[in-house]
C-alpha atoms as a PDB file:
ATOM      1  CA  UNK A   1       8.731 -15.075 -16.891  1.00  0.00           C
ATOM      2  CA  UNK A   2      11.069 -15.267 -13.910  1.00  0.00           C
ATOM      3  CA  UNK A   3       8.936 -16.920 -11.226  1.00  0.00           C
ATOM      4  CA  UNK A   4      11.882 -17.017  -8.830  1.00  0.00           C
ATOM      5  CA  UNK A   5      12.248 -13.205  -8.997  1.00  0.00           C
ATOM      6  CA  UNK A   6       8.502 -12.756  -8.547  1.00  0.00           C
ATOM      7  CA  UNK A   7       8.432 -14.994  -5.481  1.00  0.00           C
ATOM      8  CA  UNK A   8      11.501 -13.258  -4.021  1.00  0.00           C
ATOM      9  CA  UNK A   9       9.935  -9.819  -4.472  1.00  0.00           C
ATOM     10  CA  UNK A  10       6.692 -10.907  -2.892  1.00  0.00           C
ATOM     11  CA  UNK A  11       8.452 -12.633  -0.027  1.00  0.00           C
ATOM     12  CA  UNK A  12      10.287  -9.399   0.850  1.00  0.00           C
ATOM     13  CA  UNK A  13       7.049  -7.724   1.729  1.00  0.00           C
ATOM     14  CA  UNK A  14       3.446  -7.883   0.614  1.00  0.00           C
ATOM     15  CA  UNK A  15       1.317  -4.954  -0.089  1.00  0.00           C
ATOM     16  CA  UNK A  16      -4.330  -0.111   4.296  1.00  0.00           C
ATOM     17  CA  UNK A  17      -5.575   2.826   6.493  1.00  0.00           C
ATOM     18  CA  UNK A  18      -7.738   6.069   6.944  1.00  0.00           C
ATOM     19  CA  UNK A  19      -6.632   9.676   6.848  1.00  0.00           C
ATOM     20  CA  UNK A  20      -3.462  10.502   8.720  1.00  0.00           C
ATOM     21  CA  UNK A  21      -2.060  13.815   9.981  1.00  0.00           C
ATOM     22  CA  UNK A  22       1.743  14.126   9.884  1.00  0.00           C
ATOM     23  CA  UNK A  23       3.432  14.311  13.282  1.00  0.00           C
ATOM     24  CA  UNK A  24       0.407  13.235  15.333  1.00  0.00           C
ATOM     25  CA  UNK A  25       1.562  10.162  17.152  1.00  0.00           C
ATOM     26  CA  UNK A  26       2.582   9.341  20.705  1.00  0.00           C
ATOM     27  CA  UNK A  27       3.574   6.326  22.757  1.00  0.00           C
ATOM     28  CA  UNK A  28       0.873   3.798  23.548  1.00  0.00           C
ATOM     29  CA  UNK A  29       0.763   1.113  26.254  1.00  0.00           C
ATOM     30  CA  UNK A  30       2.909  -1.938  26.669  1.00  0.00           C
ATOM     31  CA  UNK A  31       3.792  -3.662  23.350  1.00  0.00           C
ATOM     32  CA  UNK A  32       2.010  -6.818  22.323  1.00  0.00           C
ATOM     33  CA  UNK A  33       5.082  -8.946  21.648  1.00  0.00           C
ATOM     34  CA  UNK A  34       3.042 -11.820  20.289  1.00  0.00           C
ATOM     35  CA  UNK A  35       2.484  -9.721  17.168  1.00  0.00           C
ATOM     36  CA  UNK A  36       6.120  -9.934  16.182  1.00  0.00           C
ATOM     37  CA  UNK A  37       5.875 -13.717  15.781  1.00  0.00           C
ATOM     38  CA  UNK A  38       2.376 -13.573  14.359  1.00  0.00           C
ATOM     39  CA  UNK A  39       3.467 -10.986  11.830  1.00  0.00           C
ATOM     40  CA  UNK A  40       5.868 -13.288  10.037  1.00  0.00           C
ATOM     41  CA  UNK A  41       3.208 -16.004   9.822  1.00  0.00           C
ATOM     42  CA  UNK A  42       0.561 -13.585   8.568  1.00  0.00           C
ATOM     43  CA  UNK A  43       2.795 -12.132   5.879  1.00  0.00           C
ATOM     44  CA  UNK A  44       3.859 -15.582   4.746  1.00  0.00           C
ATOM     45  CA  UNK A  45       0.239 -16.663   4.451  1.00  0.00           C
ATOM     46  CA  UNK A  46      -0.611 -13.543   2.475  1.00  0.00           C
ATOM     47  CA  UNK A  47       2.311 -14.089   0.114  1.00  0.00           C
ATOM     48  CA  UNK A  48       1.084 -17.613  -0.575  1.00  0.00           C
ATOM     49  CA  UNK A  49      -2.372 -16.246  -1.356  1.00  0.00           C
ATOM     50  CA  UNK A  50      -0.984 -13.593  -3.702  1.00  0.00           C
ATOM     51  CA  UNK A  51       1.174 -16.129  -5.530  1.00  0.00           C
ATOM     52  CA  UNK A  52      -1.811 -18.443  -5.965  1.00  0.00           C
ATOM     53  CA  UNK A  53      -3.905 -15.524  -7.191  1.00  0.00           C
ATOM     54  CA  UNK A  54      -1.243 -14.516  -9.704  1.00  0.00           C
ATOM     55  CA  UNK A  55      -0.978 -18.058 -11.081  1.00  0.00           C
ATOM     56  CA  UNK A  56       0.935 -18.392 -14.304  1.00  0.00           C
ATOM     57  CA  UNK A  57      -0.015 -15.094 -15.923  1.00  0.00           C
ATOM     58  CA  UNK A  58       2.709 -12.929 -17.432  1.00  0.00           C
ATOM     59  CA  UNK A  59       3.589 -10.134 -15.031  1.00  0.00           C
ATOM     60  CA  UNK A  60       4.688  -6.645 -16.079  1.00  0.00           C
ATOM     61  CA  UNK A  61       6.973  -5.411 -13.347  1.00  0.00           C
ATOM     62  CA  UNK A  62       9.997  -3.114 -12.849  1.00  0.00           C
ATOM     63  CA  UNK A  63      12.001  -5.935 -11.241  1.00  0.00           C
ATOM     64  CA  UNK A  64      11.703  -8.427 -14.100  1.00  0.00           C
ATOM     65  CA  UNK A  65      14.997  -7.398 -15.686  1.00  0.00           C
ATOM     66  CA  UNK A  66      15.503  -5.900 -19.110  1.00  0.00           C
ATOM     67  CA  UNK A  67      13.883  -2.744 -20.477  1.00  0.00           C
ATOM     68  CA  UNK A  68      10.461  -1.735 -19.192  1.00  0.00           C
ATOM     69  CA  UNK A  69       7.751  -0.597 -21.598  1.00  0.00           C
ATOM     70  CA  UNK A  70       6.720   2.341 -19.412  1.00  0.00           C
ATOM     71  CA  UNK A  71       3.926   3.667 -21.682  1.00  0.00           C
ATOM     72  CA  UNK A  72       2.307   0.230 -21.817  1.00  0.00           C
ATOM     73  CA  UNK A  73       2.675  -0.168 -18.045  1.00  0.00           C
ATOM     74  CA  UNK A  74       1.041   3.245 -17.512  1.00  0.00           C
ATOM     75  CA  UNK A  75      -1.954   2.119 -19.566  1.00  0.00           C
ATOM     76  CA  UNK A  76      -2.257  -1.081 -17.536  1.00  0.00           C
ATOM     77  CA  UNK A  77      -2.164   0.837 -14.252  1.00  0.00           C
ATOM     78  CA  UNK A  78      -4.960   3.257 -15.171  1.00  0.00           C
ATOM     79  CA  UNK A  79      -8.240   2.427 -13.471  1.00  0.00           C
ATOM     80  CA  UNK A  80      -9.560   1.586 -10.019  1.00  0.00           C
ATOM     81  CA  UNK A  81      -8.051  -1.054  -7.765  1.00  0.00           C
ATOM     82  CA  UNK A  82      -9.451  -2.268  -4.449  1.00  0.00           C
ATOM     83  CA  UNK A  83      -7.409  -4.008  -1.789  1.00  0.00           C
ATOM     84  CA  UNK A  84      -8.249  -7.165   0.101  1.00  0.00           C
ATOM     85  CA  UNK A  85      -9.754  -6.381   3.502  1.00  0.00           C
ATOM     86  CA  UNK A  86      -7.464  -6.344   6.549  1.00  0.00           C
ATOM     87  CA  UNK A  87      -8.547  -6.750  10.185  1.00  0.00           C
ATOM     88  CA  UNK A  88      -6.958  -4.667  12.949  1.00  0.00           C
ATOM     89  CA  UNK A  89      -4.940  -7.624  14.243  1.00  0.00           C
ATOM     90  CA  UNK A  90      -3.727  -8.367  10.709  1.00  0.00           C
ATOM     91  CA  UNK A  91      -2.885  -4.686  10.230  1.00  0.00           C
ATOM     92  CA  UNK A  92      -0.761  -4.665  13.399  1.00  0.00           C
ATOM     93  CA  UNK A  93       0.965  -7.990  12.845  1.00  0.00           C
ATOM     94  CA  UNK A  94       1.808  -7.281   9.204  1.00  0.00           C
ATOM     95  CA  UNK A  95       3.145  -3.813  10.017  1.00  0.00           C
ATOM     96  CA  UNK A  96       5.332  -5.328  12.749  1.00  0.00           C
ATOM     97  CA  UNK A  97       6.608  -7.821  10.175  1.00  0.00           C
ATOM     98  CA  UNK A  98       7.512  -4.849   7.933  1.00  0.00           C
ATOM     99  CA  UNK A  99       9.769  -3.542  10.694  1.00  0.00           C
ATOM    100  CA  UNK A 100       7.629  -0.973  12.550  1.00  0.00           C
ATOM    101  CA  UNK A 101       7.602  -0.758  16.346  1.00  0.00           C
ATOM    102  CA  UNK A 102       4.369  -1.911  17.989  1.00  0.00           C
ATOM    103  CA  UNK A 103       4.288   1.093  20.315  1.00  0.00           C
ATOM    104  CA  UNK A 104       4.409   3.493  17.372  1.00  0.00           C
ATOM    105  CA  UNK A 105       1.742   1.520  15.524  1.00  0.00           C
ATOM    106  CA  UNK A 106      -0.683   1.494  18.443  1.00  0.00           C
ATOM    107  CA  UNK A 107      -0.112   5.219  18.984  1.00  0.00           C
ATOM    108  CA  UNK A 108      -0.763   5.816  15.272  1.00  0.00           C
ATOM    109  CA  UNK A 109      -4.075   3.947  15.508  1.00  0.00           C
ATOM    110  CA  UNK A 110      -5.263   6.267  18.279  1.00  0.00           C
ATOM    111  CA  UNK A 111      -5.563   9.011  15.640  1.00  0.00           C
ATOM    112  CA  UNK A 112      -6.092   6.783  12.617  1.00  0.00           C
ATOM    113  CA  UNK A 113      -8.351   3.883  13.687  1.00  0.00           C
ATOM    114  CA  UNK A 114      -8.840   1.027  11.275  1.00  0.00           C
ATOM    115  CA  UNK A 115     -11.942  -0.386  12.965  1.00  0.00           C
ATOM    116  CA  UNK A 116     -12.568  -4.105  12.785  1.00  0.00           C
ATOM    117  CA  UNK A 117     -11.699  -4.207   9.089  1.00  0.00           C
ATOM    118  CA  UNK A 118     -10.203  -1.747   6.638  1.00  0.00           C
ATOM    119  CA  UNK A 119      -9.969  -1.733   2.858  1.00  0.00           C
ATOM    120  CA  UNK A 120      -8.256   0.644   0.442  1.00  0.00           C
ATOM    121  CA  UNK A 121      -8.894   1.790  -3.084  1.00  0.00           C
ATOM    122  CA  UNK A 122      -6.425   3.306  -5.549  1.00  0.00           C
ATOM    123  CA  UNK A 123      -7.546   5.214  -8.625  1.00  0.00           C
ATOM    124  CA  UNK A 124      -5.164   6.203 -11.416  1.00  0.00           C
ATOM    125  CA  UNK A 125      -6.188   8.356 -14.394  1.00  0.00           C
ATOM    126  CA  UNK A 126      -2.822   8.647 -16.111  1.00  0.00           C
ATOM    127  CA  UNK A 127      -1.527  11.578 -14.070  1.00  0.00           C
ATOM    128  CA  UNK A 128      -3.461  11.815 -10.799  1.00  0.00           C
ATOM    129  CA  UNK A 129      -3.752   9.196  -8.078  1.00  0.00           C
ATOM    130  CA  UNK A 130      -6.296   9.091  -5.273  1.00  0.00           C
ATOM    131  CA  UNK A 131      -5.949   6.832  -2.225  1.00  0.00           C
ATOM    132  CA  UNK A 132      -9.251   5.918  -0.552  1.00  0.00           C
ATOM    133  CA  UNK A 133     -10.140   4.074   2.635  1.00  0.00           C
ATOM    134  CA  UNK A 134     -13.227   2.257   3.844  1.00  0.00           C
ATOM    135  CA  UNK A 135     -13.595   1.212   7.485  1.00  0.00           C
ATOM    136  CA  UNK A 136     -16.040  -1.516   8.480  1.00  0.00           C
ATOM    137  CA  UNK A 137     -17.804  -1.414   5.132  1.00  0.00           C
ATOM    138  CA  UNK A 138     -18.503   2.322   5.147  1.00  0.00           C
ATOM    139  CA  UNK A 139     -18.286   4.306   1.870  1.00  0.00           C
ATOM    140  CA  UNK A 140     -14.761   4.969   0.628  1.00  0.00           C
ATOM    141  CA  UNK A 141     -13.306   8.320   1.700  1.00  0.00           C
ATOM    142  CA  UNK A 142     -10.331   9.969   0.005  1.00  0.00           C
ATOM    143  CA  UNK A 143      -7.103  10.202   1.974  1.00  0.00           C
ATOM    144  CA  UNK A 144      -4.572  11.454  -0.543  1.00  0.00           C
ATOM    145  CA  UNK A 145      -4.662  13.113  -3.951  1.00  0.00           C
ATOM    146  CA  UNK A 146      -1.314  13.346  -5.726  1.00  0.00           C
ATOM    147  CA  UNK A 147       0.191  13.672  -9.169  1.00  0.00           C
ATOM    148  CA  UNK A 148       2.122  10.539 -10.008  1.00  0.00           C
ATOM    149  CA  UNK A 149       4.440   9.237 -12.684  1.00  0.00           C
ATOM    150  CA  UNK A 150       6.249   6.043 -13.538  1.00  0.00           C
ATOM    151  CA  UNK A 151      10.035   6.118 -13.453  1.00  0.00           C
ATOM    152  CA  UNK A 152      12.258   4.646 -16.183  1.00  0.00           C
ATOM    153  CA  UNK A 153      12.335   1.316 -14.337  1.00  0.00           C
ATOM    154  CA  UNK A 154       8.510   1.314 -14.143  1.00  0.00           C
ATOM    155  CA  UNK A 155       8.271   2.133 -10.412  1.00  0.00           C
ATOM    156  CA  UNK A 156       5.444   4.389  -9.192  1.00  0.00           C
ATOM    157  CA  UNK A 157       6.587   7.781  -7.843  1.00  0.00           C
ATOM    158  CA  UNK A 158       4.606  10.566  -6.168  1.00  0.00           C
ATOM    159  CA  UNK A 159       5.051  13.283  -3.552  1.00  0.00           C
ATOM    160  CA  UNK A 160       2.619  13.548  -0.636  1.00  0.00           C
ATOM    161  CA  UNK A 161       2.618  17.318  -0.143  1.00  0.00           C
ATOM    162  CA  UNK A 162       1.779  18.752   3.314  1.00  0.00           C
ATOM    163  CA  UNK A 163      -1.846  19.975   3.543  1.00  0.00           C
ATOM    164  CA  UNK A 164      -2.283  23.477   2.149  1.00  0.00           C
ATOM    165  CA  UNK A 165       1.302  23.502   0.931  1.00  0.00           C
ATOM    166  CA  UNK A 166       2.330  24.659   4.375  1.00  0.00           C
ATOM    167  CA  UNK A 167       5.384  23.970   6.485  1.00  0.00           C
ATOM    168  CA  UNK A 168       7.183  20.650   6.234  1.00  0.00           C
ATOM    169  CA  UNK A 169       8.885  18.734   3.469  1.00  0.00           C
ATOM    170  CA  UNK A 170       7.204  16.673   0.837  1.00  0.00           C
ATOM    171  CA  UNK A 171       7.026  12.940   1.546  1.00  0.00           C
ATOM    172  CA  UNK A 172       8.339  11.287  -1.639  1.00  0.00           C
ATOM    173  CA  UNK A 173       7.180   7.730  -2.204  1.00  0.00           C
ATOM    174  CA  UNK A 174       8.587   5.206  -4.671  1.00  0.00           C
ATOM    175  CA  UNK A 175       6.997   1.788  -5.084  1.00  0.00           C
ATOM    176  CA  UNK A 176       7.773  -0.940  -7.575  1.00  0.00           C
ATOM    177  CA  UNK A 177       4.783  -3.048  -8.480  1.00  0.00           C
ATOM    178  CA  UNK A 178       3.595  -6.067 -10.430  1.00  0.00           C
ATOM    179  CA  UNK A 179       0.421  -6.466 -12.473  1.00  0.00           C
ATOM    180  CA  UNK A 180      -0.894  -9.920 -13.347  1.00  0.00           C
ATOM    181  CA  UNK A 181      -4.268  -9.883 -15.023  1.00  0.00           C
ATOM    182  CA  UNK A 182      -6.606  -8.221 -12.543  1.00  0.00           C
ATOM    183  CA  UNK A 183      -4.136  -8.321  -9.620  1.00  0.00           C
ATOM    184  CA  UNK A 184      -1.815  -5.500  -8.525  1.00  0.00           C
ATOM    185  CA  UNK A 185       0.903  -6.094  -5.905  1.00  0.00           C
ATOM    186  CA  UNK A 186       3.374  -3.520  -4.564  1.00  0.00           C
ATOM    187  CA  UNK A 187       6.852  -4.124  -3.251  1.00  0.00           C
ATOM    188  CA  UNK A 188       7.773  -2.376   0.043  1.00  0.00           C
ATOM    189  CA  UNK A 189       7.677   1.387  -0.500  1.00  0.00           C
ATOM    190  CA  UNK A 190      10.759   3.577  -0.291  1.00  0.00           C
ATOM    191  CA  UNK A 191      10.218   6.959   1.308  1.00  0.00           C
ATOM    192  CA  UNK A 192      12.261  10.147   1.395  1.00  0.00           C
ATOM    193  CA  UNK A 193      11.530  13.182   3.565  1.00  0.00           C
ATOM    194  CA  UNK A 194       8.683  11.357   5.333  1.00  0.00           C
ATOM    195  CA  UNK A 195       7.963  11.458   9.068  1.00  0.00           C
ATOM    196  CA  UNK A 196       7.218   8.310  11.047  1.00  0.00           C
ATOM    197  CA  UNK A 197       3.440   8.539  10.755  1.00  0.00           C
ATOM    198  CA  UNK A 198       3.726   9.216   7.027  1.00  0.00           C
ATOM    199  CA  UNK A 199       5.928   6.143   6.582  1.00  0.00           C
ATOM    200  CA  UNK A 200       3.429   4.064   8.530  1.00  0.00           C
ATOM    201  CA  UNK A 201       0.557   5.361   6.440  1.00  0.00           C
ATOM    202  CA  UNK A 202       2.256   4.775   3.076  1.00  0.00           C
ATOM    203  CA  UNK A 203       3.308   1.237   4.030  1.00  0.00           C
ATOM    204  CA  UNK A 204      -0.240   0.559   5.203  1.00  0.00           C
ATOM    205  CA  UNK A 205      -1.702   1.828   1.922  1.00  0.00           C
ATOM    206  CA  UNK A 206       0.556  -0.191  -0.361  1.00  0.00           C
ATOM    207  CA  UNK A 207       2.172  -3.103   1.449  1.00  0.00           C
ATOM    208  CA  UNK A 208      -0.422  -4.875   3.597  1.00  0.00           C
ATOM    209  CA  UNK A 209      -2.623  -6.502   0.972  1.00  0.00           C
ATOM    210  CA  UNK A 210      -2.846  -7.153  -2.740  1.00  0.00           C
ATOM    211  CA  UNK A 211      -5.235  -5.188  -4.971  1.00  0.00           C
ATOM    212  CA  UNK A 212      -7.807  -6.357  -7.514  1.00  0.00           C
ATOM    213  CA  UNK A 213      -9.143  -4.310 -10.416  1.00  0.00           C
ATOM    214  CA  UNK A 214     -12.552  -2.924  -9.443  1.00  0.00           C
ATOM    215  CA  UNK A 215     -15.575  -3.444 -11.630  1.00  0.00           C
ATOM    216  CA  UNK A 216     -16.720  -0.412 -13.650  1.00  0.00           C
ATOM    217  CA  UNK A 217     -19.128   1.848 -11.826  1.00  0.00           C
ATOM    218  CA  UNK A 218     -17.844   1.167  -8.321  1.00  0.00           C
ATOM    219  CA  UNK A 219     -19.232   3.877  -6.062  1.00  0.00           C
ATOM    220  CA  UNK A 220     -17.035   6.211  -4.045  1.00  0.00           C
ATOM    221  CA  UNK A 221     -17.355   9.264  -1.865  1.00  0.00           C
ATOM    222  CA  UNK A 222     -15.666  12.560  -2.678  1.00  0.00           C
ATOM    223  CA  UNK A 223     -12.075  13.073  -1.421  1.00  0.00           C
END
């Protein structure tokens, strides 16, 4: 196990957010500049927590070097994963630390509020992925349903297709990840063909908090 590579990957960006509608964002009020400084501290603290949670378990990850056993990794990914909860201030500060502008983030939240606390759920069945959100402890609601696959290097890939297959280009998302026991952590997502609000949403889903495998029988609302 290459702990130095794991720590480097986590330090580059840790891995939440309700339904978004592409293109619906506008400028908000004056930026809260304190978030820029707080963001770095928040992300650092989260990275420490993730590293502690991972412990000394062997991690299967695309960035470990050498060939990746993709079929085995696919089997490990299947199931339901629930993220750590994130408050609105944590959401903002961590997104700023990922490089987003505070004005764009606050405008995004006008149409996609996260409440006092938001949590996400990911379900993988081997071919289809569903992204869920729960605000302030409410039942999980589906945001995105997409076919997914793992690339040769083990990274997750899927296309977020515009609603109804209408106008607009697909937002293609690629995310390397690490699994250690019951913990799932994503590296910063790479996006292609995605608008600003889509990039914000995908980063919020995958990069603001680590995920834990959910217990069997976890309840969920319909997408």
